[in-house]
């Protein structure tokens, strides 16, 4: 829930800056917000890493997807999701009878 509020705030601040690119208060707020979002991304990545180490691959993948929601350009999350999907695919292929 809090993450959705932060994303909405970022969207609204960017709208303000689109109308008034020199708005120093909006620039300051956006910078603070981006710092807060980065902290949330880092926490989600760490949570995913812990879940992955504990063998909870689906949970890890969900945490990394949540990180991508906050920062769609995060390469770390993208790579971790790819790795987790490979593991899940391999596990699924082992379950199939030959």
Foldseek 3Di string as FASTA:
>chain_A
DVLVVLVVLLVVLVVVCVVPVVPPVSVVVNVVSVVVLVVQLVVLQVVLVVCVVVVNLVSSLVSLVVSCVSPVVDPVSVVSNVVSVVVVVVVVVVPDDD
